[in-house]
Structures are given as C-alpha cells and as structure tokens.
Amino acid sequence: MLEVPLISASISSISLAVATFAFLLSRRNAIAARCPIVVFEYTDSVGWRVRNVGNGPAVNLQVSVRGKKTQWSEAVLVPCLPTGETFDLTWIGHLNAWMLGGEYSDYLGMRYNDC
C-alpha cells in the first residue's frame, strides 16, 4: 500500500523538476533572442566605430574611451543601434585608444556593459 503514494510523489517531484528546467531554459532563450551585443571596430577609412552584432537593438548606448595614463572620459550617448548597424565614433576618430567601453540596455531595460 505504501508503494502507490511513494510512486505518485516521485512522479510529482520529477514533473516539477522538468517544469522548472523548461521554464529556466525558456527564460534564457527569451533573453538571448533580444540581447544586443556591441563590439568596437577600427577601419582605416573611418577610425573607431561601434557595431551591434546581437539579436536586439542597443538602447541608451554610452561610449567611453581611456588611455594608458588617463582615466575614463565622459561617456557620450550614441543613438539607438539596431541589429547589424554601425555608428562611427567621430569624436574618437583614429585615436590610439587603450580601452573602449560601452554601457547599454535592451528594449526591456536590462543593462549590459562591454569593456
């Protein structure tokens, strides 16, 4: 008689574990589907530019530059950067930057940073 409640409890526990796993995987996939990824590129013709290689637009993008012996500069706000688009960083141009950094969010407000 004890076997039926034990089997039922085991099946319920396994079902709960599978449902939890499916929820977490679904949430992770939803974040990846809208996540912007911003990269910095250098070209001889333009100089420094920023490109969004992610799956969603980069909103409220702020770009800063730092030299080896200087601190981070004031962040400059860049227009919204859709997926696959670039924006030329004309104020940096061909500067031999030691570090470039960016902070941005996706369209739901989740913050990201790249340094």
PDB file of N, CA and C in Angstrom:
ATOM      1  N   MET A   1       0.803  -1.192   0.000  1.00  0.00           N
ATOM      2  CA  MET A   1       0.000   0.000   0.000  1.00  0.00           C
ATOM      3  C   MET A   1       0.854   1.268   0.000  1.00  0.00           C
ATOM      4  N   LEU A   2       1.994   1.216   0.603  1.00  0.00           N
ATOM      5  CA  LEU A   2       2.880   2.374   0.683  1.00  0.00           C
ATOM      6  C   LEU A   2       3.511   2.685  -0.668  1.00  0.00           C
ATOM      7  N   GLU A   3       3.544   1.715  -1.562  1.00  0.00           N
ATOM      8  CA  GLU A   3       4.203   1.899  -2.854  1.00  0.00           C
ATOM      9  C   GLU A   3       3.485   2.922  -3.731  1.00  0.00           C
ATOM     10  N   VAL A   4       2.161   2.940  -3.741  1.00  0.00           N
ATOM     11  CA  VAL A   4       1.407   3.859  -4.606  1.00  0.00           C
ATOM     12  C   VAL A   4       1.672   5.314  -4.229  1.00  0.00           C
ATOM     13  N   PRO A   5       1.587   5.739  -2.943  1.00  0.00           N
ATOM     14  CA  PRO A   5       1.902   7.130  -2.608  1.00  0.00           C
ATOM     15  C   PRO A   5       3.364   7.488  -2.910  1.00  0.00           C
ATOM     16  N   LEU A   6       4.269   6.553  -2.721  1.00  0.00           N
ATOM     17  CA  LEU A   6       5.685   6.806  -2.989  1.00  0.00           C
ATOM     18  C   LEU A   6       5.927   7.012  -4.480  1.00  0.00           C
ATOM     19  N   ILE A   7       5.308   6.184  -5.312  1.00  0.00           N
ATOM     20  CA  ILE A   7       5.436   6.324  -6.760  1.00  0.00           C
ATOM     21  C   ILE A   7       4.801   7.643  -7.205  1.00  0.00           C
ATOM     22  N   SER A   8       3.642   7.965  -6.670  1.00  0.00           N
ATOM     23  CA  SER A   8       2.955   9.210  -7.013  1.00  0.00           C
ATOM     24  C   SER A   8       3.797  10.430  -6.622  1.00  0.00           C
ATOM     25  N   ALA A   9       4.391  10.407  -5.455  1.00  0.00           N
ATOM     26  CA  ALA A   9       5.240  11.508  -5.001  1.00  0.00           C
ATOM     27  C   ALA A   9       6.485  11.624  -5.877  1.00  0.00           C
ATOM     28  N   SER A  10       7.049  10.498  -6.282  1.00  0.00           N
ATOM     29  CA  SER A  10       8.232  10.510  -7.148  1.00  0.00           C
ATOM     30  C   SER A  10       7.905  11.114  -8.509  1.00  0.00           C
ATOM     31  N   ILE A  11       6.765  10.719  -9.072  1.00  0.00           N
ATOM     32  CA  ILE A  11       6.361  11.254 -10.374  1.00  0.00           C
ATOM     33  C   ILE A  11       6.094  12.752 -10.271  1.00  0.00           C
ATOM     34  N   SER A  12       5.474  13.191  -9.196  1.00  0.00           N
ATOM     35  CA  SER A  12       5.214  14.614  -8.999  1.00  0.00           C
ATOM     36  C   SER A  12       6.522  15.397  -8.880  1.00  0.00           C
ATOM     37  N   SER A  13       7.487  14.850  -8.159  1.00  0.00           N
ATOM     38  CA  SER A  13       8.785  15.517  -7.994  1.00  0.00           C
ATOM     39  C   SER A  13       9.515  15.626  -9.329  1.00  0.00           C
ATOM     40  N   ILE A  14       9.491  14.556 -10.113  1.00  0.00           N
ATOM     41  CA  ILE A  14      10.140  14.576 -11.424  1.00  0.00           C
ATOM     42  C   ILE A  14       9.447  15.570 -12.343  1.00  0.00           C
ATOM     43  N   SER A  15       8.123  15.620 -12.310  1.00  0.00           N
ATOM     44  CA  SER A  15       7.369  16.566 -13.129  1.00  0.00           C
ATOM     45  C   SER A  15       7.702  18.005 -12.755  1.00  0.00           C
ATOM     46  N   LEU A  16       7.821  18.279 -11.476  1.00  0.00           N
ATOM     47  CA  LEU A  16       8.176  19.618 -11.020  1.00  0.00           C
ATOM     48  C   LEU A  16       9.581  19.998 -11.480  1.00  0.00           C
ATOM     49  N   ALA A  17      10.509  19.061 -11.405  1.00  0.00           N
ATOM     50  CA  ALA A  17      11.881  19.321 -11.844  1.00  0.00           C
ATOM     51  C   ALA A  17      11.927  19.606 -13.350  1.00  0.00           C
ATOM     52  N   VAL A  18      11.192  18.828 -14.147  1.00  0.00           N
ATOM     53  CA  VAL A  18      11.167  19.041 -15.598  1.00  0.00           C
ATOM     54  C   VAL A  18      10.524  20.390 -15.934  1.00  0.00           C
ATOM     55  N   ALA A  19       9.440  20.729 -15.255  1.00  0.00           N
ATOM     56  CA  ALA A  19       8.770  22.014 -15.497  1.00  0.00           C
ATOM     57  C   ALA A  19       9.684  23.181 -15.131  1.00  0.00           C
ATOM     58  N   THR A  20      10.409  23.070 -14.034  1.00  0.00           N
ATOM     59  CA  THR A  20      11.343  24.123 -13.621  1.00  0.00           C
ATOM     60  C   THR A  20      12.459  24.279 -14.642  1.00  0.00           C
ATOM     61  N   PHE A  21      13.019  23.171 -15.097  1.00  0.00           N
ATOM     62  CA  PHE A  21      14.073  23.204 -16.104  1.00  0.00           C
ATOM     63  C   PHE A  21      13.572  23.845 -17.405  1.00  0.00           C
ATOM     64  N   ALA A  22      12.379  23.467 -17.838  1.00  0.00           N
ATOM     65  CA  ALA A  22      11.807  24.021 -19.071  1.00  0.00           C
ATOM     66  C   ALA A  22      11.579  25.525 -18.933  1.00  0.00           C
ATOM     67  N   PHE A  23      11.110  25.971 -17.767  1.00  0.00           N
ATOM     68  CA  PHE A  23      10.902  27.399 -17.530  1.00  0.00           C
ATOM     69  C   PHE A  23      12.223  28.165 -17.600  1.00  0.00           C
ATOM     70  N   LEU A  24      13.259  27.665 -16.922  1.00  0.00           N
ATOM     71  CA  LEU A  24      14.551  28.348 -16.917  1.00  0.00           C
ATOM     72  C   LEU A  24      15.171  28.388 -18.313  1.00  0.00           C
ATOM     73  N   LEU A  25      15.046  27.310 -19.068  1.00  0.00           N
ATOM     74  CA  LEU A  25      15.567  27.264 -20.432  1.00  0.00           C
ATOM     75  C   LEU A  25      14.804  28.243 -21.332  1.00  0.00           C
ATOM     76  N   SER A  26      13.505  28.307 -21.176  1.00  0.00           N
ATOM     77  CA  SER A  26      12.682  29.230 -21.956  1.00  0.00           C
ATOM     78  C   SER A  26      13.047  30.680 -21.644  1.00  0.00           C
ATOM     79  N   ARG A  27      13.268  30.970 -20.382  1.00  0.00           N
ATOM     80  CA  ARG A  27      13.649  32.323 -19.971  1.00  0.00           C
ATOM     81  C   ARG A  27      15.004  32.705 -20.554  1.00  0.00           C
ATOM     82  N   ARG A  28      15.936  31.772 -20.517  1.00  0.00           N
ATOM     83  CA  ARG A  28      17.270  32.013 -21.075  1.00  0.00           C
ATOM     84  C   ARG A  28      17.192  32.277 -22.578  1.00  0.00           C
ATOM     85  N   ASN A  29      16.381  31.497 -23.280  1.00  0.00           N
ATOM     86  CA  ASN A  29      16.228  31.685 -24.723  1.00  0.00           C
ATOM     87  C   ASN A  29      15.555  33.013 -25.056  1.00  0.00           C
ATOM     88  N   ALA A  30      14.617  33.436 -24.229  1.00  0.00           N
ATOM     89  CA  ALA A  30      13.944  34.716 -24.455  1.00  0.00           C
ATOM     90  C   ALA A  30      14.925  35.879 -24.293  1.00  0.00           C
ATOM     91  N   ILE A  31      15.826  35.786 -23.323  1.00  0.00           N
ATOM     92  CA  ILE A  31      16.837  36.827 -23.121  1.00  0.00           C
ATOM     93  C   ILE A  31      17.807  36.836 -24.300  1.00  0.00           C
ATOM     94  N   ALA A  32      18.250  35.663 -24.739  1.00  0.00           N
ATOM     95  CA  ALA A  32      19.181  35.581 -25.862  1.00  0.00           C
ATOM     96  C   ALA A  32      18.558  36.095 -27.157  1.00  0.00           C
ATOM     97  N   ALA A  33      17.256  35.961 -27.305  1.00  0.00           N
ATOM     98  CA  ALA A  33      16.574  36.397 -28.523  1.00  0.00           C
ATOM     99  C   ALA A  33      16.499  37.916 -28.641  1.00  0.00           C
ATOM    100  N   ARG A  34      16.635  38.654 -27.538  1.00  0.00           N
ATOM    101  CA  ARG A  34      16.547  40.112 -27.587  1.00  0.00           C
ATOM    102  C   ARG A  34      17.850  40.795 -27.163  1.00  0.00           C
ATOM    103  N   CYS A  35      18.877  40.038 -26.863  1.00  0.00           N
ATOM    104  CA  CYS A  35      20.120  40.567 -26.303  1.00  0.00           C
ATOM    105  C   CYS A  35      20.966  41.284 -27.360  1.00  0.00           C
ATOM    106  N   PRO A  36      21.232  42.575 -27.177  1.00  0.00           N
ATOM    107  CA  PRO A  36      22.172  43.252 -28.072  1.00  0.00           C
ATOM    108  C   PRO A  36      23.604  42.921 -27.658  1.00  0.00           C
ATOM    109  N   ILE A  37      24.487  42.850 -28.625  1.00  0.00           N
ATOM    110  CA  ILE A  37      25.914  42.648 -28.357  1.00  0.00           C
ATOM    111  C   ILE A  37      26.657  43.724 -29.143  1.00  0.00           C
ATOM    112  N   VAL A  38      27.324  44.600 -28.427  1.00  0.00           N
ATOM    113  CA  VAL A  38      28.009  45.726 -29.052  1.00  0.00           C
ATOM    114  C   VAL A  38      29.504  45.441 -29.102  1.00  0.00           C
ATOM    115  N   VAL A  39      30.096  45.632 -30.286  1.00  0.00           N
ATOM    116  CA  VAL A  39      31.539  45.441 -30.463  1.00  0.00           C
ATOM    117  C   VAL A  39      32.130  46.709 -31.056  1.00  0.00           C
ATOM    118  N   PHE A  40      33.411  46.929 -30.795  1.00  0.00           N
ATOM    119  CA  PHE A  40      34.129  48.067 -31.344  1.00  0.00           C
ATOM    120  C   PHE A  40      34.994  47.588 -32.498  1.00  0.00           C
ATOM    121  N   GLU A  41      35.020  48.385 -33.568  1.00  0.00           N
ATOM    122  CA  GLU A  41      35.793  48.045 -34.760  1.00  0.00           C
ATOM    123  C   GLU A  41      36.651  49.249 -35.141  1.00  0.00           C
ATOM    124  N   TYR A  42      37.749  48.955 -35.807  1.00  0.00           N
ATOM    125  CA  TYR A  42      38.594  50.027 -36.331  1.00  0.00           C
ATOM    126  C   TYR A  42      38.763  49.820 -37.824  1.00  0.00           C
ATOM    127  N   THR A  43      38.540  50.873 -38.596  1.00  0.00           N
ATOM    128  CA  THR A  43      38.786  50.836 -40.039  1.00  0.00           C
ATOM    129  C   THR A  43      39.722  51.985 -40.402  1.00  0.00           C
ATOM    130  N   ASP A  44      40.526  51.779 -41.426  1.00  0.00           N
ATOM    131  CA  ASP A  44      41.460  52.826 -41.850  1.00  0.00           C
ATOM    132  C   ASP A  44      40.737  54.057 -42.377  1.00  0.00           C
ATOM    133  N   SER A  45      39.592  53.866 -42.989  1.00  0.00           N
ATOM    134  CA  SER A  45      38.887  54.994 -43.602  1.00  0.00           C
ATOM    135  C   SER A  45      38.143  55.851 -42.580  1.00  0.00           C
ATOM    136  N   VAL A  46      37.544  55.237 -41.563  1.00  0.00           N
ATOM    137  CA  VAL A  46      36.693  55.969 -40.612  1.00  0.00           C
ATOM    138  C   VAL A  46      37.348  56.129 -39.251  1.00  0.00           C
ATOM    139  N   GLY A  47      38.063  55.143 -38.813  1.00  0.00           N
ATOM    140  CA  GLY A  47      38.590  55.107 -37.453  1.00  0.00           C
ATOM    141  C   GLY A  47      37.729  54.172 -36.616  1.00  0.00           C
ATOM    142  N   TRP A  48      37.456  54.565 -35.382  1.00  0.00           N
ATOM    143  CA  TRP A  48      36.680  53.710 -34.483  1.00  0.00           C
ATOM    144  C   TRP A  48      35.189  53.819 -34.781  1.00  0.00           C
ATOM    145  N   ARG A  49      34.538  52.681 -34.694  1.00  0.00           N
ATOM    146  CA  ARG A  49      33.076  52.624 -34.841  1.00  0.00           C
ATOM    147  C   ARG A  49      32.557  51.538 -33.911  1.00  0.00           C
ATOM    148  N   VAL A  50      31.272  51.582 -33.667  1.00  0.00           N
ATOM    149  CA  VAL A  50      30.616  50.586 -32.826  1.00  0.00           C
ATOM    150  C   VAL A  50      29.588  49.861 -33.699  1.00  0.00           C
ATOM    151  N   ARG A  51      29.482  48.536 -33.507  1.00  0.00           N
ATOM    152  CA  ARG A  51      28.550  47.712 -34.284  1.00  0.00           C
ATOM    153  C   ARG A  51      27.748  46.829 -33.324  1.00  0.00           C
ATOM    154  N   ASN A  52      26.468  46.681 -33.612  1.00  0.00           N
ATOM    155  CA  ASN A  52      25.604  45.785 -32.841  1.00  0.00           C
ATOM    156  C   ASN A  52      25.508  44.456 -33.593  1.00  0.00           C
ATOM    157  N   VAL A  53      26.094  43.409 -33.022  1.00  0.00           N
ATOM    158  CA  VAL A  53      26.064  42.085 -33.646  1.00  0.00           C
ATOM    159  C   VAL A  53      25.081  41.155 -32.935  1.00  0.00           C
ATOM    160  N   GLY A  54      24.304  41.700 -32.022  1.00  0.00           N
ATOM    161  CA  GLY A  54      23.361  40.891 -31.256  1.00  0.00           C
ATOM    162  C   GLY A  54      22.029  40.730 -31.950  1.00  0.00           C
ATOM    163  N   ASN A  55      21.033  40.281 -31.179  1.00  0.00           N
ATOM    164  CA  ASN A  55      19.706  39.981 -31.717  1.00  0.00           C
ATOM    165  C   ASN A  55      18.672  41.071 -31.492  1.00  0.00           C
ATOM    166  N   GLY A  56      19.013  42.098 -30.747  1.00  0.00           N
ATOM    167  CA  GLY A  56      18.055  43.158 -30.477  1.00  0.00           C
ATOM    168  C   GLY A  56      18.739  44.511 -30.501  1.00  0.00           C
ATOM    169  N   PRO A  57      17.974  45.591 -30.497  1.00  0.00           N
ATOM    170  CA  PRO A  57      18.569  46.925 -30.535  1.00  0.00           C
ATOM    171  C   PRO A  57      19.274  47.273 -29.231  1.00  0.00           C
ATOM    172  N   ALA A  58      20.393  47.993 -29.360  1.00  0.00           N
ATOM    173  CA  ALA A  58      21.111  48.514 -28.197  1.00  0.00           C
ATOM    174  C   ALA A  58      20.566  49.915 -27.924  1.00  0.00           C
ATOM    175  N   VAL A  59      19.937  50.085 -26.768  1.00  0.00           N
ATOM    176  CA  VAL A  59      19.276  51.328 -26.400  1.00  0.00           C
ATOM    177  C   VAL A  59      20.096  52.023 -25.319  1.00  0.00           C
ATOM    178  N   ASN A  60      20.074  53.348 -25.310  1.00  0.00           N
ATOM    179  CA  ASN A  60      20.813  54.143 -24.311  1.00  0.00           C
ATOM    180  C   ASN A  60      22.296  53.781 -24.287  1.00  0.00           C
ATOM    181  N   LEU A  61      22.888  53.650 -25.453  1.00  0.00           N
ATOM    182  CA  LEU A  61      24.300  53.272 -25.580  1.00  0.00           C
ATOM    183  C   LEU A  61      25.187  54.459 -25.231  1.00  0.00           C
ATOM    184  N   GLN A  62      26.066  54.254 -24.251  1.00  0.00           N
ATOM    185  CA  GLN A  62      27.029  55.268 -23.831  1.00  0.00           C
ATOM    186  C   GLN A  62      28.424  54.718 -24.060  1.00  0.00           C
ATOM    187  N   VAL A  63      29.264  55.477 -24.758  1.00  0.00           N
ATOM    188  CA  VAL A  63      30.612  55.038 -25.106  1.00  0.00           C
ATOM    189  C   VAL A  63      31.617  55.921 -24.395  1.00  0.00           C
ATOM    190  N   SER A  64      32.649  55.286 -23.808  1.00  0.00           N
ATOM    191  CA  SER A  64      33.742  55.998 -23.144  1.00  0.00           C
ATOM    192  C   SER A  64      35.064  55.488 -23.687  1.00  0.00           C
ATOM    193  N   VAL A  65      36.094  56.315 -23.570  1.00  0.00           N
ATOM    194  CA  VAL A  65      37.432  55.940 -24.021  1.00  0.00           C
ATOM    195  C   VAL A  65      38.421  56.194 -22.892  1.00  0.00           C
ATOM    196  N   ARG A  66      39.474  55.375 -22.872  1.00  0.00           N
ATOM    197  CA  ARG A  66      40.504  55.514 -21.829  1.00  0.00           C
ATOM    198  C   ARG A  66      41.864  55.287 -22.464  1.00  0.00           C
ATOM    199  N   GLY A  67      42.823  56.102 -22.067  1.00  0.00           N
ATOM    200  CA  GLY A  67      44.207  55.920 -22.485  1.00  0.00           C
ATOM    201  C   GLY A  67      44.981  55.195 -21.399  1.00  0.00           C
ATOM    202  N   LYS A  68      46.230  54.816 -21.690  1.00  0.00           N
ATOM    203  CA  LYS A  68      47.043  54.103 -20.692  1.00  0.00           C
ATOM    204  C   LYS A  68      47.273  54.936 -19.443  1.00  0.00           C
ATOM    205  N   LYS A  69      47.443  56.238 -19.627  1.00  0.00           N
ATOM    206  CA  LYS A  69      47.761  57.099 -18.489  1.00  0.00           C
ATOM    207  C   LYS A  69      46.630  58.053 -18.134  1.00  0.00           C
ATOM    208  N   THR A  70      45.458  57.875 -18.739  1.00  0.00           N
ATOM    209  CA  THR A  70      44.324  58.751 -18.445  1.00  0.00           C
ATOM    210  C   THR A  70      43.162  57.935 -17.905  1.00  0.00           C
ATOM    211  N   GLN A  71      42.255  58.617 -17.258  1.00  0.00           N
ATOM    212  CA  GLN A  71      41.051  57.975 -16.732  1.00  0.00           C
ATOM    213  C   GLN A  71      40.000  57.899 -17.829  1.00  0.00           C
ATOM    214  N   TRP A  72      38.893  57.209 -17.529  1.00  0.00           N
ATOM    215  CA  TRP A  72      37.781  57.118 -18.468  1.00  0.00           C
ATOM    216  C   TRP A  72      37.269  58.514 -18.770  1.00  0.00           C
ATOM    217  N   SER A  73      36.994  58.773 -20.033  1.00  0.00           N
ATOM    218  CA  SER A  73      36.438  60.062 -20.437  1.00  0.00           C
ATOM    219  C   SER A  73      34.950  60.090 -20.103  1.00  0.00           C
ATOM    220  N   GLU A  74      34.374  61.263 -20.239  1.00  0.00           N
ATOM    221  CA  GLU A  74      32.928  61.380 -20.064  1.00  0.00           C
ATOM    222  C   GLU A  74      32.235  60.505 -21.104  1.00  0.00           C
ATOM    223  N   ALA A  75      31.249  59.772 -20.694  1.00  0.00           N
ATOM    224  CA  ALA A  75      30.516  58.909 -21.614  1.00  0.00           C
ATOM    225  C   ALA A  75      29.701  59.751 -22.589  1.00  0.00           C
ATOM    226  N   VAL A  76      29.709  59.340 -23.855  1.00  0.00           N
ATOM    227  CA  VAL A  76      28.949  60.023 -24.896  1.00  0.00           C
ATOM    228  C   VAL A  76      27.779  59.129 -25.281  1.00  0.00           C
ATOM    229  N   LEU A  77      26.587  59.691 -25.299  1.00  0.00           N
ATOM    230  CA  LEU A  77      25.379  58.944 -25.633  1.00  0.00           C
ATOM    231  C   LEU A  77      25.272  58.798 -27.149  1.00  0.00           C
ATOM    232  N   VAL A  78      25.131  57.558 -27.603  1.00  0.00           N
ATOM    233  CA  VAL A  78      25.036  57.226 -29.022  1.00  0.00           C
ATOM    234  C   VAL A  78      23.579  56.886 -29.327  1.00  0.00           C
ATOM    235  N   PRO A  79      23.099  57.222 -30.529  1.00  0.00           N
ATOM    236  CA  PRO A  79      21.712  56.878 -30.871  1.00  0.00           C
ATOM    237  C   PRO A  79      21.465  55.369 -30.787  1.00  0.00           C
ATOM    238  N   CYS A  80      20.200  55.005 -30.656  1.00  0.00           N
ATOM    239  CA  CYS A  80      19.803  53.598 -30.622  1.00  0.00           C
ATOM    240  C   CYS A  80      20.431  52.873 -31.801  1.00  0.00           C
ATOM    241  N   LEU A  81      21.012  51.703 -31.544  1.00  0.00           N
ATOM    242  CA  LEU A  81      21.744  50.963 -32.568  1.00  0.00           C
ATOM    243  C   LEU A  81      21.020  49.655 -32.874  1.00  0.00           C
ATOM    244  N   PRO A  82      20.302  49.609 -34.011  1.00  0.00           N
ATOM    245  CA  PRO A  82      19.598  48.372 -34.370  1.00  0.00           C
ATOM    246  C   PRO A  82      20.565  47.232 -34.684  1.00  0.00           C
ATOM    247  N   THR A  83      20.056  46.034 -34.724  1.00  0.00           N
ATOM    248  CA  THR A  83      20.858  44.854 -35.032  1.00  0.00           C
ATOM    249  C   THR A  83      21.531  45.005 -36.386  1.00  0.00           C
ATOM    250  N   GLY A  84      22.836  44.739 -36.437  1.00  0.00           N
ATOM    251  CA  GLY A  84      23.592  44.782 -37.681  1.00  0.00           C
ATOM    252  C   GLY A  84      24.061  46.156 -38.103  1.00  0.00           C
ATOM    253  N   GLU A  85      23.669  47.200 -37.400  1.00  0.00           N
ATOM    254  CA  GLU A  85      24.028  48.565 -37.778  1.00  0.00           C
ATOM    255  C   GLU A  85      25.320  49.002 -37.099  1.00  0.00           C
ATOM    256  N   THR A  86      25.971  50.016 -37.700  1.00  0.00           N
ATOM    257  CA  THR A  86      27.181  50.602 -37.135  1.00  0.00           C
ATOM    258  C   THR A  86      26.962  52.086 -36.894  1.00  0.00           C
ATOM    259  N   PHE A  87      27.799  52.633 -36.016  1.00  0.00           N
ATOM    260  CA  PHE A  87      27.794  54.069 -35.762  1.00  0.00           C
ATOM    261  C   PHE A  87      29.252  54.490 -35.632  1.00  0.00           C
ATOM    262  N   ASP A  88      29.661  55.480 -36.446  1.00  0.00           N
ATOM    263  CA  ASP A  88      31.037  55.966 -36.415  1.00  0.00           C
ATOM    264  C   ASP A  88      31.265  56.833 -35.188  1.00  0.00           C
ATOM    265  N   LEU A  89      32.331  56.554 -34.470  1.00  0.00           N
ATOM    266  CA  LEU A  89      32.686  57.316 -33.269  1.00  0.00           C
ATOM    267  C   LEU A  89      33.616  58.446 -33.695  1.00  0.00           C
ATOM    268  N   THR A  90      33.056  59.476 -34.311  1.00  0.00           N
ATOM    269  CA  THR A  90      33.848  60.539 -34.921  1.00  0.00           C
ATOM    270  C   THR A  90      34.679  61.318 -33.900  1.00  0.00           C
ATOM    271  N   TRP A  91      34.212  61.443 -32.668  1.00  0.00           N
ATOM    272  CA  TRP A  91      34.967  62.183 -31.659  1.00  0.00           C
ATOM    273  C   TRP A  91      36.192  61.404 -31.190  1.00  0.00           C
ATOM    274  N   ILE A  92      36.246  60.106 -31.464  1.00  0.00           N
ATOM    275  CA  ILE A  92      37.440  59.307 -31.150  1.00  0.00           C
ATOM    276  C   ILE A  92      38.318  59.217 -32.397  1.00  0.00           C
ATOM    277  N   GLY A  93      37.687  59.049 -33.550  1.00  0.00           N
ATOM    278  CA  GLY A  93      38.412  59.016 -34.824  1.00  0.00           C
ATOM    279  C   GLY A  93      39.489  57.951 -34.861  1.00  0.00           C
ATOM    280  N   HIS A  94      40.731  58.374 -35.152  1.00  0.00           N
ATOM    281  CA  HIS A  94      41.861  57.450 -35.274  1.00  0.00           C
ATOM    282  C   HIS A  94      42.727  57.437 -34.015  1.00  0.00           C
ATOM    283  N   LEU A  95      42.177  57.894 -32.920  1.00  0.00           N
ATOM    284  CA  LEU A  95      42.906  57.925 -31.652  1.00  0.00           C
ATOM    285  C   LEU A  95      43.390  56.531 -31.282  1.00  0.00           C
ATOM    286  N   ASN A  96      44.620  56.432 -30.827  1.00  0.00           N
ATOM    287  CA  ASN A  96      45.174  55.158 -30.383  1.00  0.00           C
ATOM    288  C   ASN A  96      44.652  54.878 -28.971  1.00  0.00           C
ATOM    289  N   ALA A  97      43.406  54.429 -28.890  1.00  0.00           N
ATOM    290  CA  ALA A  97      42.735  54.212 -27.605  1.00  0.00           C
ATOM    291  C   ALA A  97      43.244  52.927 -26.958  1.00  0.00           C
ATOM    292  N   TRP A  98      43.477  52.985 -25.669  1.00  0.00           N
ATOM    293  CA  TRP A  98      43.906  51.811 -24.926  1.00  0.00           C
ATOM    294  C   TRP A  98      42.710  50.939 -24.573  1.00  0.00           C
ATOM    295  N   MET A  99      41.604  51.575 -24.206  1.00  0.00           N
ATOM    296  CA  MET A  99      40.370  50.865 -23.883  1.00  0.00           C
ATOM    297  C   MET A  99      39.172  51.658 -24.383  1.00  0.00           C
ATOM    298  N   LEU A 100      38.193  50.927 -24.900  1.00  0.00           N
ATOM    299  CA  LEU A 100      36.895  51.499 -25.232  1.00  0.00           C
ATOM    300  C   LEU A 100      35.862  50.747 -24.415  1.00  0.00           C
ATOM    301  N   GLY A 101      34.892  51.453 -23.910  1.00  0.00           N
ATOM    302  CA  GLY A 101      33.865  50.811 -23.097  1.00  0.00           C
ATOM    303  C   GLY A 101      32.484  51.300 -23.485  1.00  0.00           C
ATOM    304  N   GLY A 102      31.524  50.428 -23.318  1.00  0.00           N
ATOM    305  CA  GLY A 102      30.153  50.790 -23.624  1.00  0.00           C
ATOM    306  C   GLY A 102      29.193  50.237 -22.600  1.00  0.00           C
ATOM    307  N   GLU A 103      28.183  51.012 -22.289  1.00  0.00           N
ATOM    308  CA  GLU A 103      27.072  50.562 -21.450  1.00  0.00           C
ATOM    309  C   GLU A 103      25.801  50.788 -22.239  1.00  0.00           C
ATOM    310  N   TYR A 104      24.902  49.829 -22.214  1.00  0.00           N
ATOM    311  CA  TYR A 104      23.674  49.926 -22.989  1.00  0.00           C
ATOM    312  C   TYR A 104      22.631  49.009 -22.387  1.00  0.00           C
ATOM    313  N   SER A 105      21.425  49.085 -22.924  1.00  0.00           N
ATOM    314  CA  SER A 105      20.346  48.217 -22.448  1.00  0.00           C
ATOM    315  C   SER A 105      19.590  47.678 -23.649  1.00  0.00           C
ATOM    316  N   ASP A 106      18.795  46.637 -23.403  1.00  0.00           N
ATOM    317  CA  ASP A 106      17.908  46.144 -24.446  1.00  0.00           C
ATOM    318  C   ASP A 106      16.592  46.914 -24.349  1.00  0.00           C
ATOM    319  N   TYR A 107      15.645  46.598 -25.200  1.00  0.00           N
ATOM    320  CA  TYR A 107      14.399  47.368 -25.226  1.00  0.00           C
ATOM    321  C   TYR A 107      13.513  47.129 -24.015  1.00  0.00           C
ATOM    322  N   LEU A 108      13.839  46.138 -23.179  1.00  0.00           N
ATOM    323  CA  LEU A 108      13.096  45.940 -21.931  1.00  0.00           C
ATOM    324  C   LEU A 108      13.800  46.546 -20.726  1.00  0.00           C
ATOM    325  N   GLY A 109      14.963  47.163 -20.950  1.00  0.00           N
ATOM    326  CA  GLY A 109      15.666  47.861 -19.879  1.00  0.00           C
ATOM    327  C   GLY A 109      16.750  47.064 -19.182  1.00  0.00           C
ATOM    328  N   MET A 110      17.027  45.825 -19.587  1.00  0.00           N
ATOM    329  CA  MET A 110      18.107  45.052 -18.978  1.00  0.00           C
ATOM    330  C   MET A 110      19.444  45.665 -19.392  1.00  0.00           C
ATOM    331  N   ARG A 111      20.310  45.988 -18.416  1.00  0.00           N
ATOM    332  CA  ARG A 111      21.568  46.668 -18.666  1.00  0.00           C
ATOM    333  C   ARG A 111      22.692  45.690 -18.997  1.00  0.00           C
ATOM    334  N   TYR A 112      23.581  46.135 -19.881  1.00  0.00           N
ATOM    335  CA  TYR A 112      24.775  45.375 -20.277  1.00  0.00           C
ATOM    336  C   TYR A 112      25.948  46.347 -20.311  1.00  0.00           C
ATOM    337  N   ASN A 113      27.173  45.817 -20.199  1.00  0.00           N
ATOM    338  CA  ASN A 113      28.347  46.662 -20.414  1.00  0.00           C
ATOM    339  C   ASN A 113      29.457  45.829 -21.046  1.00  0.00           C
ATOM    340  N   ASP A 114      30.247  46.499 -21.860  1.00  0.00           N
ATOM    341  CA  ASP A 114      31.386  45.889 -22.543  1.00  0.00           C
ATOM    342  C   ASP A 114      32.581  46.784 -22.315  1.00  0.00           C
ATOM    343  N   CYS A 115      33.620  46.230 -21.707  1.00  0.00           N
ATOM    344  CA  CYS A 115      34.852  46.985 -21.511  1.00  0.00           C
ATOM    345  C   CYS A 115      36.021  46.123 -21.914  1.00  0.00           C
TER     346      CYS A 115
END
